[in-house]
N, C-alpha and C. Protein backbone atom coordinates (compact mmCIF):
# COMPACT_ATOMS: atom_id res chain seq x y z
N UNK A 1 -6.22 16.37 -23.06
CA UNK A 1 -6.82 15.11 -22.83
C UNK A 1 -6.99 14.70 -23.67
N UNK A 2 -7.58 15.54 -24.93
CA UNK A 2 -8.42 14.98 -26.05
C UNK A 2 -6.47 14.40 -27.20
N UNK A 3 -5.77 15.31 -26.64
CA UNK A 3 -4.27 14.98 -27.69
C UNK A 3 -3.91 13.53 -27.45
N UNK A 4 -3.97 13.41 -25.95
CA UNK A 4 -3.31 11.80 -25.43
C UNK A 4 -4.26 10.59 -25.71
N UNK A 5 -5.41 10.76 -25.53
CA UNK A 5 -6.52 9.58 -26.18
C UNK A 5 -6.44 9.49 -27.06
N UNK A 6 -6.32 10.39 -28.56
CA UNK A 6 -5.96 10.37 -29.49
C UNK A 6 -4.55 9.15 -29.95
N UNK A 7 -3.88 9.29 -29.07
CA UNK A 7 -2.58 9.35 -29.02
C UNK A 7 -2.94 7.82 -29.00
N UNK A 8 -3.31 7.05 -27.56
CA UNK A 8 -3.65 5.68 -27.12
C UNK A 8 -4.28 5.01 -27.83
N UNK A 9 -5.93 6.07 -28.40
CA UNK A 9 -7.12 5.19 -29.38
C UNK A 9 -5.95 4.58 -30.29
N UNK A 10 -5.34 5.97 -31.59
CA UNK A 10 -4.50 5.09 -32.41
C UNK A 10 -3.58 3.91 -31.87
N UNK A 11 -2.69 3.94 -30.51
CA UNK A 11 -2.25 2.43 -30.49
C UNK A 11 -2.56 1.33 -29.89
N UNK A 12 -3.89 1.26 -29.36
CA UNK A 12 -4.74 0.28 -29.63
C UNK A 12 -5.65 0.07 -30.17
N UNK A 13 -5.80 0.28 -31.17
CA UNK A 13 -6.93 0.31 -32.12
C UNK A 13 -6.66 -1.06 -32.77
N UNK A 14 -5.04 -1.11 -33.34
CA UNK A 14 -4.73 -2.67 -34.00
C UNK A 14 -4.32 -3.93 -33.05
N UNK A 15 -4.85 -3.87 -31.86
CA UNK A 15 -4.35 -4.73 -30.81
C UNK A 15 -5.84 -5.10 -30.24
N UNK A 16 -5.69 -6.51 -29.52
CA UNK A 16 -6.63 -7.26 -29.31
C UNK A 16 -6.71 -7.36 -27.77
N UNK A 17 -7.71 -7.77 -26.98
CA UNK A 17 -6.85 -7.83 -25.48
C UNK A 17 -6.56 -9.41 -25.12
N UNK A 18 -7.01 -9.93 -26.34
CA UNK A 18 -6.15 -11.57 -25.84
C UNK A 18 -4.71 -11.47 -25.42
N UNK A 19 -4.29 -10.39 -26.71
CA UNK A 19 -3.02 -10.31 -26.17
C UNK A 19 -1.96 -9.67 -24.88
N UNK A 20 -3.23 -9.03 -24.65
CA UNK A 20 -2.76 -8.30 -23.04
C UNK A 20 -2.51 -9.59 -22.24
N UNK A 21 -1.40 -8.82 -21.52
CA UNK A 21 -1.15 -9.83 -19.90
C UNK A 21 -0.56 -8.81 -19.07
N UNK A 22 -0.65 -9.71 -17.97
CA UNK A 22 -0.78 -8.81 -16.79
C UNK A 22 1.05 -8.88 -16.24
N UNK A 23 0.91 -7.52 -15.96
CA UNK A 23 2.42 -6.85 -15.47
C UNK A 23 3.31 -7.93 -14.32
N UNK A 24 4.19 -8.19 -15.09
CA UNK A 24 5.16 -9.48 -13.39
C UNK A 24 4.82 -9.59 -11.97
N UNK A 25 4.88 -7.98 -11.59
CA UNK A 25 4.63 -8.06 -10.00
C UNK A 25 3.12 -8.63 -10.15
N UNK A 26 1.98 -8.29 -10.51
CA UNK A 26 0.94 -9.11 -10.46
C UNK A 26 0.84 -10.63 -10.79
N UNK A 27 1.40 -10.81 -11.50
CA UNK A 27 1.22 -12.37 -12.17
C UNK A 27 2.69 -13.11 -11.02
N UNK A 28 3.79 -12.90 -10.60
CA UNK A 28 4.76 -13.54 -9.62
C UNK A 28 4.04 -13.79 -8.39
N UNK A 29 2.96 -12.37 -8.23
CA UNK A 29 2.40 -12.64 -6.32
C UNK A 29 0.85 -12.74 -6.70
N UNK A 30 -0.06 -13.03 -7.66
CA UNK A 30 -1.10 -13.44 -7.35
C UNK A 30 -1.52 -14.09 -6.47
N UNK A 31 -0.63 -15.07 -6.07
CA UNK A 31 -1.38 -15.52 -4.77
C UNK A 31 -1.54 -14.96 -3.16
N UNK A 32 -0.86 -13.69 -3.37
CA UNK A 32 -1.50 -12.89 -2.05
C UNK A 32 -2.37 -12.21 -2.46
N UNK A 33 -3.60 -12.08 -3.38
CA UNK A 33 -4.74 -11.68 -4.27
C UNK A 33 -5.93 -12.43 -2.65
N UNK A 34 -7.09 -11.04 -2.49
CA UNK A 34 -8.29 -11.77 -1.90
C UNK A 34 -8.55 -12.91 -2.36
N UNK A 35 -9.65 -13.62 -2.33
CA UNK A 35 -10.15 -14.49 -2.97
C UNK A 35 -11.98 -13.79 -3.85
N UNK A 36 -12.14 -13.06 -2.78
CA UNK A 36 -13.23 -11.82 -2.81
C UNK A 36 -13.21 -10.28 -3.13
N UNK A 37 -13.68 -9.70 -3.40
CA UNK A 37 -13.35 -8.18 -3.29
C UNK A 37 -13.40 -7.62 -4.73
N UNK A 38 -13.10 -6.01 -4.16
CA UNK A 38 -13.37 -5.10 -5.42
C UNK A 38 -12.10 -4.70 -5.68
N UNK A 39 -11.39 -4.48 -7.02
CA UNK A 39 -10.48 -4.37 -7.38
C UNK A 39 -10.23 -3.15 -8.48
N UNK A 40 -9.46 -2.54 -8.83
CA UNK A 40 -9.18 -1.19 -9.39
C UNK A 40 -8.07 -1.45 -10.70
N UNK A 41 -8.00 -1.14 -12.02
CA UNK A 41 -6.77 -1.13 -12.39
C UNK A 41 -6.52 0.86 -12.81
N UNK A 42 -5.56 1.15 -12.76
CA UNK A 42 -5.66 2.58 -13.38
C UNK A 42 -4.84 2.36 -14.41
N UNK A 43 -5.10 3.05 -15.53
CA UNK A 43 -4.61 3.55 -16.87
C UNK A 43 -4.32 1.85 -17.20
N UNK A 44 -5.54 0.86 -17.31
CA UNK A 44 -5.70 -0.43 -17.29
C UNK A 44 -5.34 -0.84 -19.32
N UNK A 45 -5.40 0.31 -20.04
CA UNK A 45 -5.10 0.11 -21.41
C UNK A 45 -5.96 -1.37 -22.03
N UNK A 46 -5.38 -2.50 -22.46
CA UNK A 46 -6.65 -3.20 -22.92
C UNK A 46 -6.73 -4.47 -21.63
N UNK A 47 -6.07 -4.23 -20.37
CA UNK A 47 -6.83 -4.65 -19.28
C UNK A 47 -6.26 -5.97 -19.15
N UNK A 48 -4.92 -6.30 -19.69
CA UNK A 48 -4.42 -7.45 -18.62
C UNK A 48 -4.17 -7.57 -17.38
N UNK A 49 -3.90 -6.88 -16.00
CA UNK A 49 -4.38 -6.73 -15.25
C UNK A 49 -5.56 -7.06 -14.56
N UNK A 50 -6.31 -6.12 -15.28
CA UNK A 50 -8.09 -6.69 -14.87
C UNK A 50 -8.62 -8.21 -15.03
N UNK A 51 -8.11 -8.44 -16.45
CA UNK A 51 -8.08 -9.56 -16.64
C UNK A 51 -7.95 -10.81 -16.17
N UNK A 52 -6.37 -10.89 -15.14
CA UNK A 52 -6.47 -11.78 -14.10
C UNK A 52 -7.10 -11.70 -12.91
N UNK A 53 -7.58 -9.96 -12.32
CA UNK A 53 -7.67 -10.12 -11.09
C UNK A 53 -9.17 -10.55 -11.55
N UNK A 54 -9.86 -10.47 -11.87
CA UNK A 54 -11.03 -10.62 -12.51
C UNK A 54 -11.56 -12.43 -12.61
N UNK A 55 -10.17 -12.75 -13.44
CA UNK A 55 -10.14 -14.24 -12.91
C UNK A 55 -10.08 -14.82 -11.78
N UNK A 56 -9.52 -14.28 -10.68
CA UNK A 56 -9.36 -14.75 -9.73
C UNK A 56 -10.39 -14.17 -8.89
N UNK A 57 -11.35 -13.92 -9.26
CA UNK A 57 -12.91 -13.61 -8.57
C UNK A 57 -13.16 -12.36 -8.33
N UNK A 58 -12.40 -11.25 -8.46
CA UNK A 58 -12.09 -9.98 -8.07
C UNK A 58 -13.45 -9.54 -9.02
N UNK A 59 -13.89 -8.26 -8.19
CA UNK A 59 -14.84 -7.15 -9.17
C UNK A 59 -13.87 -6.54 -9.69
N UNK A 60 -13.94 -6.15 -10.98
CA UNK A 60 -12.76 -5.32 -11.57
C UNK A 60 -13.12 -3.87 -11.92
N UNK A 61 -13.04 -2.73 -11.53
CA UNK A 61 -13.37 -1.59 -12.18
C UNK A 61 -11.52 -1.22 -13.18
N UNK A 62 -12.08 -0.80 -14.28
CA UNK A 62 -10.75 -0.58 -14.63
C UNK A 62 -11.07 0.76 -15.40
N UNK A 63 -9.57 1.69 -15.72
CA UNK A 63 -10.05 3.07 -16.09
C UNK A 63 -9.03 3.20 -16.83
N UNK A 64 -9.00 4.06 -18.10
CA UNK A 64 -8.24 4.18 -19.20
C UNK A 64 -8.45 5.55 -19.53
N UNK A 65 -7.46 6.63 -20.54
CA UNK A 65 -7.85 7.70 -20.90
C UNK A 65 -8.46 6.97 -22.66
N UNK A 66 -8.38 6.12 -23.25
CA UNK A 66 -8.55 5.57 -24.47
C UNK A 66 -10.12 4.68 -24.13
N UNK A 67 -10.77 5.75 -25.31
CA UNK A 67 -12.43 4.97 -25.46
C UNK A 67 -12.01 3.65 -26.26
N UNK A 68 -11.42 3.84 -26.97
CA UNK A 68 -10.86 2.20 -27.96
C UNK A 68 -10.89 1.12 -26.85
N UNK A 69 -9.81 1.42 -25.78
CA UNK A 69 -9.22 0.14 -25.15
C UNK A 69 -10.01 -0.52 -24.63
N UNK A 70 -10.69 0.89 -23.92
CA UNK A 70 -12.20 0.98 -22.68
C UNK A 70 -13.35 -0.18 -23.36
N UNK A 71 -13.50 0.31 -25.02
CA UNK A 71 -14.52 -0.75 -25.91
C UNK A 71 -13.90 -1.91 -25.80
N UNK A 72 -12.61 -2.15 -26.21
CA UNK A 72 -12.41 -3.37 -26.46
C UNK A 72 -12.09 -4.25 -25.04
N UNK A 73 -12.25 -3.18 -24.23
CA UNK A 73 -11.74 -4.67 -22.53
C UNK A 73 -13.00 -5.18 -22.15
N UNK A 74 -14.35 -3.61 -22.24
CA UNK A 74 -15.90 -4.21 -21.88
C UNK A 74 -16.04 -5.41 -22.91
N UNK A 75 -16.07 -5.58 -23.84
CA UNK A 75 -16.05 -6.34 -25.36
C UNK A 75 -15.68 -7.53 -24.44
N UNK A 76 -14.12 -7.85 -24.28
CA UNK A 76 -13.56 -8.92 -23.75
C UNK A 76 -13.79 -9.47 -22.51
N UNK A 77 -14.50 -8.89 -21.79
CA UNK A 77 -15.01 -8.78 -20.86
C UNK A 77 -16.35 -9.78 -20.54
N UNK A 78 -16.59 -9.36 -21.12
CA UNK A 78 -18.62 -9.90 -21.55
C UNK A 78 -18.49 -11.35 -22.50
N UNK A 79 -17.18 -11.42 -23.33
CA UNK A 79 -17.20 -12.59 -24.31
C UNK A 79 -16.83 -13.98 -23.08
N UNK A 80 -15.18 -13.25 -22.39
CA UNK A 80 -15.09 -13.97 -21.47
C UNK A 80 -15.82 -14.37 -20.26
N UNK A 81 -17.22 -13.66 -19.56
CA UNK A 81 -17.58 -13.93 -18.68
C UNK A 81 -17.01 -13.30 -17.42
N UNK A 82 -16.35 -12.11 -17.58
CA UNK A 82 -14.88 -11.70 -16.14
C UNK A 82 -15.88 -9.97 -16.26
N UNK A 83 -15.81 -10.28 -14.93
CA UNK A 83 -16.52 -9.24 -13.70
C UNK A 83 -15.91 -7.85 -14.14
N UNK A 84 -15.29 -7.26 -14.89
CA UNK A 84 -15.06 -6.10 -15.06
C UNK A 84 -16.04 -4.78 -15.69
N UNK A 85 -15.63 -3.60 -15.19
CA UNK A 85 -16.46 -2.59 -15.73
C UNK A 85 -14.98 -1.62 -16.51
N UNK A 86 -15.04 -1.71 -17.40
CA UNK A 86 -14.26 -0.59 -17.69
C UNK A 86 -14.92 1.03 -18.22
N UNK A 87 -14.03 2.27 -17.90
CA UNK A 87 -14.45 3.18 -18.23
C UNK A 87 -13.36 4.06 -18.22
N UNK A 88 -13.70 5.20 -19.09
CA UNK A 88 -12.93 6.47 -19.87
C UNK A 88 -12.43 7.20 -18.86
N UNK A 89 -11.80 7.76 -18.28
CA UNK A 89 -11.14 8.41 -17.38
C UNK A 89 -9.82 8.88 -17.49
N UNK A 90 -9.78 10.57 -17.70
CA UNK A 90 -8.55 10.78 -17.66
C UNK A 90 -7.83 10.61 -16.49
N UNK A 91 -6.75 10.48 -15.62
CA UNK A 91 -6.46 9.94 -14.68
C UNK A 91 -6.14 10.91 -14.02
N UNK A 92 -5.30 12.22 -14.95
CA UNK A 92 -4.60 13.24 -14.47
C UNK A 92 -5.52 14.30 -13.75
N UNK A 93 -6.98 14.20 -13.74
CA UNK A 93 -7.59 15.46 -13.80
C UNK A 93 -8.99 14.67 -13.03
N UNK A 94 -8.41 13.46 -12.00
CA UNK A 94 -9.39 12.43 -11.48
C UNK A 94 -8.97 12.38 -9.72
N UNK A 95 -9.98 12.26 -9.19
CA UNK A 95 -9.86 11.70 -7.81
C UNK A 95 -10.32 10.40 -7.75
N UNK A 96 -9.92 9.29 -6.20
CA UNK A 96 -9.90 8.17 -6.44
C UNK A 96 -11.14 8.15 -5.55
N UNK A 97 -12.29 7.38 -5.03
CA UNK A 97 -13.07 7.39 -4.32
C UNK A 97 -12.37 6.71 -2.84
N UNK A 98 -12.65 7.36 -1.61
CA UNK A 98 -11.99 7.00 -0.30
C UNK A 98 -12.64 5.28 0.24
N UNK A 99 -11.35 4.56 0.38
CA UNK A 99 -11.72 3.46 0.92
C UNK A 99 -12.80 2.46 0.19
N UNK A 100 -12.59 2.41 -0.62
CA UNK A 100 -13.42 1.73 -1.87
C UNK A 100 -13.09 -0.08 -2.36
N UNK A 101 -11.58 -0.17 -2.31
CA UNK A 101 -10.93 -1.10 -3.05
C UNK A 101 -10.00 -1.92 -2.17
N UNK A 102 -10.34 -3.34 -2.28
CA UNK A 102 -9.27 -4.81 -2.13
C UNK A 102 -8.02 -4.70 -2.69
N UNK A 103 -7.75 -4.16 -3.64
CA UNK A 103 -6.82 -4.19 -4.50
C UNK A 103 -6.71 -3.30 -5.71
N UNK A 104 -5.81 -2.54 -5.67
CA UNK A 104 -5.24 -1.77 -6.27
C UNK A 104 -4.34 -1.75 -7.40
N UNK A 105 -4.22 -1.93 -9.07
CA UNK A 105 -3.37 -2.48 -9.70
C UNK A 105 -2.76 -1.12 -10.66
N UNK A 106 -1.22 -0.65 -10.34
CA UNK A 106 -0.64 0.20 -11.58
C UNK A 106 0.06 -0.08 -12.11
N UNK A 107 0.65 -0.41 -13.67
CA UNK A 107 1.39 -0.83 -14.59
C UNK A 107 1.72 0.38 -15.19
N UNK A 108 3.13 0.87 -15.56
CA UNK A 108 3.61 1.36 -16.24
C UNK A 108 2.71 2.95 -16.99
N UNK A 109 2.51 3.44 -15.77
CA UNK A 109 2.00 4.50 -15.33
C UNK A 109 2.40 4.96 -14.08
N UNK A 110 2.81 6.93 -14.70
CA UNK A 110 3.18 7.39 -13.36
C UNK A 110 3.12 8.98 -13.63
N UNK A 111 1.54 9.16 -12.48
CA UNK A 111 1.73 10.41 -12.30
C UNK A 111 1.51 10.64 -10.99
N UNK A 112 2.79 11.36 -10.04
CA UNK A 112 3.08 11.19 -9.01
C UNK A 112 1.75 11.77 -8.00
N UNK A 113 0.56 13.03 -8.31
CA UNK A 113 -0.49 13.44 -7.72
C UNK A 113 -1.29 11.99 -6.79
N UNK A 114 -1.18 11.30 -8.28
CA UNK A 114 -2.27 10.15 -7.70
C UNK A 114 -1.74 8.95 -6.56
N UNK A 115 -0.46 9.49 -6.04
CA UNK A 115 -0.16 8.27 -5.07
C UNK A 115 -1.07 8.78 -4.18
N UNK A 116 -1.45 9.73 -3.22
CA UNK A 116 -1.93 10.22 -2.00
C UNK A 116 -3.19 9.24 -2.18
N UNK A 117 -4.11 10.23 -3.22
CA UNK A 117 -5.38 9.17 -3.28
C UNK A 117 -5.17 7.76 -3.58
N UNK A 118 -4.19 7.11 -4.42
CA UNK A 118 -3.99 5.57 -4.54
C UNK A 118 -4.46 5.04 -2.53
N UNK A 119 -3.54 5.38 -1.82
CA UNK A 119 -3.19 5.24 -0.80
C UNK A 119 -4.54 5.21 -0.14
N UNK A 120 -5.77 6.59 -0.01
CA UNK A 120 -6.70 6.75 0.61
C UNK A 120 -7.92 5.69 -0.28
N UNK A 121 -7.72 5.43 -1.36
CA UNK A 121 -8.71 4.68 -1.90
C UNK A 121 -8.64 3.04 -1.49
N UNK A 122 -7.21 2.44 -0.97
CA UNK A 122 -8.18 1.18 -0.55
C UNK A 122 -7.93 1.50 0.70
N UNK A 123 -9.28 -0.21 0.78
CA UNK A 123 -9.62 -0.54 2.10
C UNK A 123 -8.56 -0.96 3.25
N UNK A 124 -8.92 -0.82 4.75
CA UNK A 124 -7.52 -1.59 5.36
C UNK A 124 -7.27 -2.82 5.15
N UNK A 125 -6.08 -3.30 5.20
CA UNK A 125 -5.56 -4.74 4.51
C UNK A 125 -5.48 -4.58 3.11
N UNK A 126 -6.07 -3.90 2.49
CA UNK A 126 -6.14 -3.92 0.77
C UNK A 126 -4.26 -4.04 0.19
N UNK A 127 -4.88 -3.99 -1.00
CA UNK A 127 -3.22 -4.56 -1.38
C UNK A 127 -2.78 -3.51 -2.97
N UNK A 128 -1.90 -2.89 -3.08
CA UNK A 128 -1.36 -2.25 -4.31
C UNK A 128 -0.63 -2.86 -4.97
N UNK A 129 -0.20 -3.07 -5.88
CA UNK A 129 0.48 -3.98 -6.92
C UNK A 129 1.06 -3.00 -7.87
N UNK A 130 2.29 -2.56 -8.02
CA UNK A 130 2.60 -1.63 -9.02
C UNK A 130 3.81 -1.61 -9.27
N UNK A 131 3.81 -1.45 -10.57
CA UNK A 131 5.09 -1.63 -11.60
C UNK A 131 5.51 -0.39 -12.56
N UNK A 132 6.57 0.33 -13.07
CA UNK A 132 6.86 1.14 -13.83
C UNK A 132 8.42 1.27 -13.99
N UNK A 133 8.51 2.06 -14.94
CA UNK A 133 9.94 2.34 -15.36
C UNK A 133 10.42 3.51 -14.66
N UNK A 134 12.17 3.00 -14.50
CA UNK A 134 13.16 3.83 -13.92
C UNK A 134 13.97 4.44 -14.57
N UNK A 135 14.52 5.51 -13.59
CA UNK A 135 15.13 6.20 -14.34
C UNK A 135 16.73 5.74 -14.49
N UNK A 136 16.87 4.70 -13.80
CA UNK A 136 18.21 4.25 -14.14
C UNK A 136 18.34 2.89 -14.79
N UNK A 137 18.65 2.81 -15.41
CA UNK A 137 17.97 2.06 -17.08
C UNK A 137 19.22 1.57 -17.70
N UNK A 138 19.26 0.82 -18.32
CA UNK A 138 19.86 0.57 -19.92
C UNK A 138 19.42 1.07 -20.87
N UNK A 139 20.94 1.62 -21.71
CA UNK A 139 20.79 2.73 -22.63
C UNK A 139 19.75 1.97 -23.77
N UNK A 140 19.67 0.86 -24.08
CA UNK A 140 18.56 0.18 -25.08
C UNK A 140 16.92 0.30 -24.57
N UNK A 141 16.79 0.23 -23.14
CA UNK A 141 15.80 0.00 -22.72
C UNK A 141 14.50 0.27 -23.62
N UNK A 142 13.16 -0.01 -23.63
CA UNK A 142 11.77 0.15 -23.63
C UNK A 142 11.48 1.32 -22.89
N UNK A 143 10.14 1.80 -23.07
CA UNK A 143 9.72 2.92 -22.57
C UNK A 143 10.17 4.67 -22.27
N UNK A 144 9.72 5.26 -22.09
CA UNK A 144 9.70 6.74 -22.15
C UNK A 144 10.94 7.43 -21.53
N UNK A 145 11.69 8.00 -21.73
CA UNK A 145 12.89 8.94 -21.93
C UNK A 145 12.65 10.33 -20.73
N UNK A 146 11.12 10.73 -20.64
CA UNK A 146 11.14 11.86 -20.19
C UNK A 146 11.09 11.63 -18.50
N UNK A 147 12.18 12.65 -17.96
CA UNK A 147 12.21 11.88 -15.97
C UNK A 147 11.21 12.21 -15.44
N UNK A 148 10.25 12.86 -16.16
CA UNK A 148 8.61 13.25 -15.26
C UNK A 148 7.86 11.52 -15.65
N UNK A 149 8.18 11.09 -16.16
CA UNK A 149 7.55 9.64 -16.32
C UNK A 149 8.75 8.47 -15.71
N UNK A 150 9.51 8.73 -15.14
CA UNK A 150 10.49 7.43 -14.75
C UNK A 150 10.76 7.81 -13.00
N UNK A 151 10.82 6.25 -12.48
CA UNK A 151 11.21 6.45 -11.05
C UNK A 151 12.17 7.24 -10.64
N UNK A 152 12.78 8.08 -9.88
CA UNK A 152 13.95 7.80 -9.38
C UNK A 152 14.71 6.75 -8.81
N UNK A 153 15.65 6.78 -7.78
CA UNK A 153 16.00 5.65 -6.92
C UNK A 153 15.28 5.50 -6.17
N UNK A 154 14.58 4.34 -5.63
CA UNK A 154 13.61 4.23 -4.15
C UNK A 154 12.35 5.18 -4.02
N UNK A 155 12.12 5.59 -5.27
CA UNK A 155 10.86 6.19 -4.92
C UNK A 155 9.86 5.86 -5.35
N UNK A 156 9.86 4.52 -5.41
CA UNK A 156 8.37 4.05 -5.64
C UNK A 156 7.99 3.19 -3.77
N UNK A 157 8.98 2.98 -3.26
CA UNK A 157 9.41 2.93 -2.04
C UNK A 157 9.42 3.50 -0.65
N UNK A 158 9.45 4.88 -0.95
CA UNK A 158 9.20 6.06 -0.19
C UNK A 158 7.85 6.63 -0.46
N UNK A 159 7.45 6.63 -1.14
CA UNK A 159 6.09 7.45 -2.15
C UNK A 159 5.41 6.40 -0.92
N UNK A 160 5.34 5.03 -0.65
CA UNK A 160 4.24 4.16 -0.16
C UNK A 160 4.77 3.62 1.23
N UNK A 161 5.55 4.33 2.10
CA UNK A 161 5.94 3.99 3.43
C UNK A 161 4.87 3.86 4.19
N UNK A 162 3.49 4.33 3.81
CA UNK A 162 3.11 4.82 4.74
C UNK A 162 1.78 3.31 4.29
N UNK A 163 2.01 2.93 3.52
CA UNK A 163 1.95 1.32 3.92
C UNK A 163 3.19 0.45 4.16
N UNK A 164 2.09 -1.09 4.70
CA UNK A 164 3.22 -1.92 4.50
C UNK A 164 3.87 -2.95 3.69
N UNK A 165 4.99 -2.39 3.31
CA UNK A 165 5.37 -3.35 2.64
C UNK A 165 5.84 -4.38 2.29
N UNK A 166 5.09 -5.22 1.66
CA UNK A 166 5.64 -6.76 1.60
C UNK A 166 6.26 -7.28 0.29
N UNK A 167 6.24 -6.69 -0.57
CA UNK A 167 7.28 -6.94 -2.06
C UNK A 167 7.84 -5.50 -2.40
N UNK A 168 9.33 -5.67 -2.62
CA UNK A 168 10.14 -4.68 -3.46
C UNK A 168 11.16 -4.97 -4.28
N UNK A 169 11.20 -4.33 -5.35
CA UNK A 169 12.30 -4.97 -6.79
C UNK A 169 12.86 -3.68 -7.56
N UNK A 170 13.67 -3.37 -7.02
CA UNK A 170 14.72 -2.38 -7.76
C UNK A 170 16.04 -3.08 -8.17
N UNK A 171 16.59 -3.34 -9.39
CA UNK A 171 17.44 -4.18 -9.04
C UNK A 171 18.22 -2.66 -10.06
N UNK A 172 18.13 -2.00 -10.24
CA UNK A 172 18.97 -0.52 -11.04
C UNK A 172 19.77 -1.55 -12.35
N UNK A 173 21.05 -1.43 -12.06
CA UNK A 173 22.24 -1.61 -12.91
C UNK A 173 23.44 -2.55 -12.08
N UNK A 174 23.18 -3.04 -11.15
CA UNK A 174 23.72 -3.95 -10.17
C UNK A 174 23.76 -5.44 -10.63
N UNK A 175 25.60 -5.73 -10.98
CA UNK A 175 25.32 -7.30 -11.48
C UNK A 175 25.32 -7.52 -12.91
N UNK A 176 25.25 -8.84 -13.35
CA UNK A 176 25.07 -8.91 -14.67
C UNK A 176 23.33 -8.42 -14.83
N UNK A 177 23.38 -7.83 -15.80
CA UNK A 177 21.81 -6.85 -16.30
C UNK A 177 21.57 -7.63 -17.10
N UNK A 178 21.68 -9.03 -17.92
CA UNK A 178 21.28 -9.32 -19.01
C UNK A 178 19.87 -10.08 -17.83
N UNK A 179 20.14 -10.05 -16.43
CA UNK A 179 19.16 -11.25 -16.17
C UNK A 179 18.42 -10.41 -14.83
N UNK A 180 17.33 -10.88 -14.69
CA UNK A 180 16.91 -9.93 -13.56
C UNK A 180 15.34 -9.00 -13.90
N UNK A 181 14.85 -8.41 -13.24
CA UNK A 181 14.02 -7.37 -13.11
C UNK A 181 14.39 -6.09 -13.62
N UNK A 182 14.84 -5.52 -14.86
CA UNK A 182 15.64 -4.69 -15.24
C UNK A 182 14.86 -3.01 -15.19
N UNK A 183 14.86 -2.07 -15.71
CA UNK A 183 14.60 -0.63 -15.75
C UNK A 183 13.27 -0.67 -15.19
N UNK A 184 12.89 -0.92 -14.06
CA UNK A 184 11.58 -1.10 -13.51
C UNK A 184 12.06 -1.13 -11.82
N UNK A 185 10.88 -0.69 -11.23
CA UNK A 185 10.57 -0.82 -9.91
C UNK A 185 9.40 -1.65 -9.38
N UNK A 186 9.11 -2.64 -8.93
CA UNK A 186 7.88 -3.30 -8.75
C UNK A 186 7.68 -2.92 -7.08
N UNK A 187 6.61 -3.10 -6.92
CA UNK A 187 5.85 -2.84 -5.31
C UNK A 187 4.71 -3.68 -4.84
N UNK A 188 5.04 -4.44 -4.00
CA UNK A 188 3.44 -5.22 -3.20
C UNK A 188 3.65 -4.69 -2.47
N UNK A 189 2.06 -3.73 -1.91
CA UNK A 189 2.51 -3.14 -0.53
C UNK A 189 1.12 -3.20 0.05
N UNK A 190 0.51 -3.20 1.40
CA UNK A 190 -0.74 -3.45 2.04
C UNK A 190 -0.86 -2.40 2.94
N UNK A 191 -2.30 -1.94 3.13
CA UNK A 191 -2.95 -0.85 3.49
C UNK A 191 -3.07 -1.41 5.26
N UNK A 192 -2.22 -0.69 6.20
CA UNK A 192 -2.81 -1.52 7.58
C UNK A 192 -3.81 -1.36 7.94
N UNK A 193 -4.11 -2.29 8.84
CA UNK A 193 -5.58 -2.17 9.14
C UNK A 193 -6.04 -1.05 10.03
N UNK A 194 -7.00 -0.63 10.51
CA UNK A 194 -7.14 0.54 11.32
C UNK A 194 -7.25 0.10 12.60
N UNK A 195 -6.78 0.88 13.04
CA UNK A 195 -6.61 0.06 14.85
C UNK A 195 -8.21 -0.03 16.05
N UNK A 196 -8.73 -1.43 16.40
CA UNK A 196 -9.26 -1.66 17.19
C UNK A 196 -9.49 -0.90 18.19
N UNK A 197 -10.72 -0.70 18.49
CA UNK A 197 -11.23 0.45 19.46
C UNK A 197 -11.86 0.20 20.98
């Protein structure tokens, strides 16, 4: 954890929260968000997603391994009057609480053992917004090169098939690769409501 946290601390040291932007899938489909509720951003960095979620009226918890990013995000939230509580957490050694969140957002972070925990952490009817890098990608694409951090074809779709898939996009290398969402997969999925007794 120390080595990873130091790497990310160094990366965020010269960055500002004002430059952090929400991921495409959250920005594009923000109209699906509930008007109130509890939201969680995993591997939040400087909190581009957390800031959007809080600006929409959600109370946001943001977890990241970098203390630098967490401190900057908390300061930004205070300054802008946003309901964000950022905390340092190593997600590779964490468990998520069950049934606590109405929205969970994950972007550019892939740790497959968390998939099950993410589904359990959603409230019935809760939404998952997830976008990250794919193995099928253009040669000069940004992002990691290690297969451990790259989604296989349709992996994101299959990993959350217990949820109701609302949006899924993974264009691969089909057609004109200068256009569209390339090198990434994006998903919006909803936890099914519990059956009434």
